[in-house]
Protein backbone atom coordinates (compact mmCIF):
# COMPACT_ATOMS: atom_id res chain seq x y z
CA MET A 1 226.39 6.69 75.48
CA GLN A 2 226.93 8.69 72.31
CA TRP A 3 228.62 8.12 68.99
CA PHE A 4 230.34 11.08 67.37
CA VAL A 5 229.59 11.47 63.67
CA ALA A 6 232.21 13.44 61.77
CA CYS A 7 230.25 15.40 59.18
CA ASP A 8 229.60 18.75 57.56
CA TYR A 9 227.10 20.32 59.97
CA ARG A 10 225.80 22.63 57.24
CA GLU A 11 224.06 19.56 55.82
CA HIS A 12 220.84 18.39 57.45
CA TYR A 13 217.60 16.68 56.44
CA PHE A 14 216.34 19.48 54.19
CA THR A 15 219.64 20.00 52.33
CA LEU A 16 220.10 16.25 51.88
CA TYR A 17 216.55 15.83 50.60
CA GLU A 18 216.78 18.75 48.16
CA ASP A 19 220.39 18.47 46.98
CA SER A 20 221.21 14.77 47.25
CA PRO A 21 218.60 12.41 45.79
CA GLU A 22 220.98 9.49 46.38
CA THR A 23 220.22 9.86 50.10
CA HIS A 24 216.47 9.36 49.71
CA GLY A 25 216.62 5.62 50.44
CA ALA A 26 218.37 6.25 53.75
CA LEU A 27 216.03 9.14 54.56
CA SER A 28 212.96 6.97 54.01
CA GLN A 29 214.51 4.34 56.34
CA ILE A 30 214.77 7.03 59.01
CA THR A 31 211.11 7.85 58.35
CA LEU A 32 210.17 4.24 59.08
CA PHE A 33 212.38 4.16 62.18
CA ASP A 34 210.82 7.39 63.48
CA PHE A 35 207.33 5.98 63.06
CA ILE A 36 207.86 2.60 64.67
CA THR A 37 209.85 4.12 67.58
CA ASN A 38 207.34 6.97 67.94
CA ASN A 39 210.09 9.60 67.75
CA THR A 40 208.71 12.81 69.23
CA ASP A 41 211.59 15.11 68.30
CA CYS A 42 213.12 14.54 64.84
CA LYS A 43 214.37 17.92 63.68
CA SER A 44 216.28 18.61 60.45
CA GLY A 45 219.59 18.78 62.32
CA HIS A 46 219.01 15.27 63.65
CA VAL A 47 219.88 13.89 60.22
CA LEU A 48 223.55 14.00 59.27
CA ARG A 49 225.72 12.70 56.45
CA GLY A 50 229.04 11.42 57.71
CA HIS A 51 232.26 12.15 55.85
CA ASP A 52 232.03 8.55 54.60
CA GLY A 53 228.67 9.36 52.91
CA ARG A 54 226.54 7.37 55.37
CA VAL A 55 223.31 9.06 56.46
CA TRP A 56 222.69 9.03 60.21
CA GLY A 57 219.60 9.70 62.28
CA ILE A 58 220.70 11.02 65.67
CA ASP A 59 219.26 12.17 69.02
CA HIS A 60 216.60 9.57 69.73
CA GLY A 61 216.12 10.47 73.36
CA LEU A 62 212.36 10.97 73.03
CA CYS A 63 211.12 7.69 71.60
CA PHE A 64 208.95 4.71 72.50
CA ALA A 65 206.14 6.50 74.37
CA ALA A 66 202.99 4.40 74.65
CA ASP A 67 200.82 7.33 73.54
CA PHE A 68 201.23 8.24 69.87
CA LYS A 69 203.32 11.43 69.88
CA LEU A 70 205.21 11.26 66.57
CA ARG A 71 206.76 14.60 65.61
CA THR A 72 209.22 14.73 62.75
CA VAL A 73 210.26 16.95 59.87
CA ILE A 74 210.50 13.94 57.55
CA TRP A 75 207.14 13.80 55.78
CA ASP A 76 208.35 13.93 52.18
CA PHE A 77 208.05 10.16 51.80
CA ALA A 78 204.53 9.86 53.25
CA GLY A 79 202.34 7.42 51.36
CA GLU A 80 205.24 5.79 49.53
CA PRO A 81 205.51 2.00 49.55
CA ILE A 82 208.02 0.55 52.01
CA PRO A 83 210.57 -1.70 50.31
CA VAL A 84 209.97 -5.39 50.99
CA SER A 85 213.46 -5.72 52.49
CA LEU A 86 212.62 -3.14 55.18
CA LEU A 87 209.29 -4.81 55.93
CA GLN A 88 211.15 -8.09 56.35
CA ASP A 89 213.60 -6.37 58.72
CA ILE A 90 210.80 -5.35 61.10
CA THR A 91 208.45 -8.33 60.79
CA ALA A 92 209.81 -10.13 63.87
CA LEU A 93 209.03 -7.06 66.02
CA ALA A 94 205.32 -7.64 65.49
CA GLU A 95 205.60 -10.85 67.52
CA ALA A 96 208.38 -10.09 69.99
CA VAL A 97 210.57 -7.13 70.85
CA PRO A 98 214.16 -8.24 71.55
CA SER A 99 214.69 -8.63 75.29
CA ASP A 100 217.57 -6.13 75.41
CA VAL A 101 215.14 -3.49 74.09
CA ALA A 102 212.00 -4.68 75.89
CA GLU A 103 213.70 -4.57 79.30
CA LEU A 104 214.24 -0.83 78.83
CA LEU A 105 210.54 -0.22 78.11
CA ASP A 106 207.40 -0.75 80.13
CA ALA A 107 204.71 -3.18 78.95
CA ALA A 108 202.55 -0.42 77.45
CA GLU A 109 205.48 0.91 75.40
CA VAL A 110 206.31 -2.58 74.09
CA ALA A 111 202.66 -3.15 73.13
CA ALA A 112 202.48 0.24 71.38
CA LEU A 113 205.68 -0.47 69.45
CA GLN A 114 204.23 -3.75 68.26
CA ARG A 115 200.95 -2.07 67.23
CA ARG A 116 202.87 0.47 65.14
CA VAL A 117 204.90 -2.30 63.49
CA ARG A 118 201.73 -4.28 62.70
CA ARG A 119 200.14 -1.17 61.21
CA VAL A 120 203.11 -0.61 58.92
CA LEU A 121 203.18 -4.27 57.89
CA ARG A 122 199.44 -4.21 57.18
CA ASN A 123 199.56 -0.95 55.17
CA GLY A 124 202.96 -1.39 53.53
CA MET A 125 203.21 2.38 53.16
CA LEU A 126 205.06 5.10 55.00
CA PRO A 127 202.58 6.96 57.19
CA HIS A 128 201.30 10.45 56.49
CA ASP A 129 200.12 13.18 58.82
CA PRO A 130 196.51 14.10 58.05
CA THR A 131 196.59 16.84 60.73
CA GLY A 132 199.64 18.69 59.39
CA ARG A 133 200.66 19.29 63.01
CA ARG A 134 203.17 16.50 63.67
CA TYR A 135 206.23 18.73 63.23
CA PRO A 136 208.64 19.48 66.11
């Protein structure tokens, strides 16, 4: 299933980050989502701004692997504190992944997701890439 996002396709992560500081909150949310889902393929064109102004992260077909494979272009927020409201949004995942999600994953993927959530909750910061090689 796909959802069509009507947008200006000349805009993408890098243009939004550079030209539209008002999008930074939404972009940092996508950063958190990419980390906890272990997104292995977040390219700049996978971030869109709809005609309504909403920022969308799209194309999440390569997520939830048990092995840590994060690859994303969104590293500009690394090391920044995660807003308390976002930490509260993910807290329940540390204990239980909703059944409609868990049934689509194997046990190792569920456990890995919960480990990533616990790490974020413990650190309270958006992760950084010490290797410099986690780009798609």
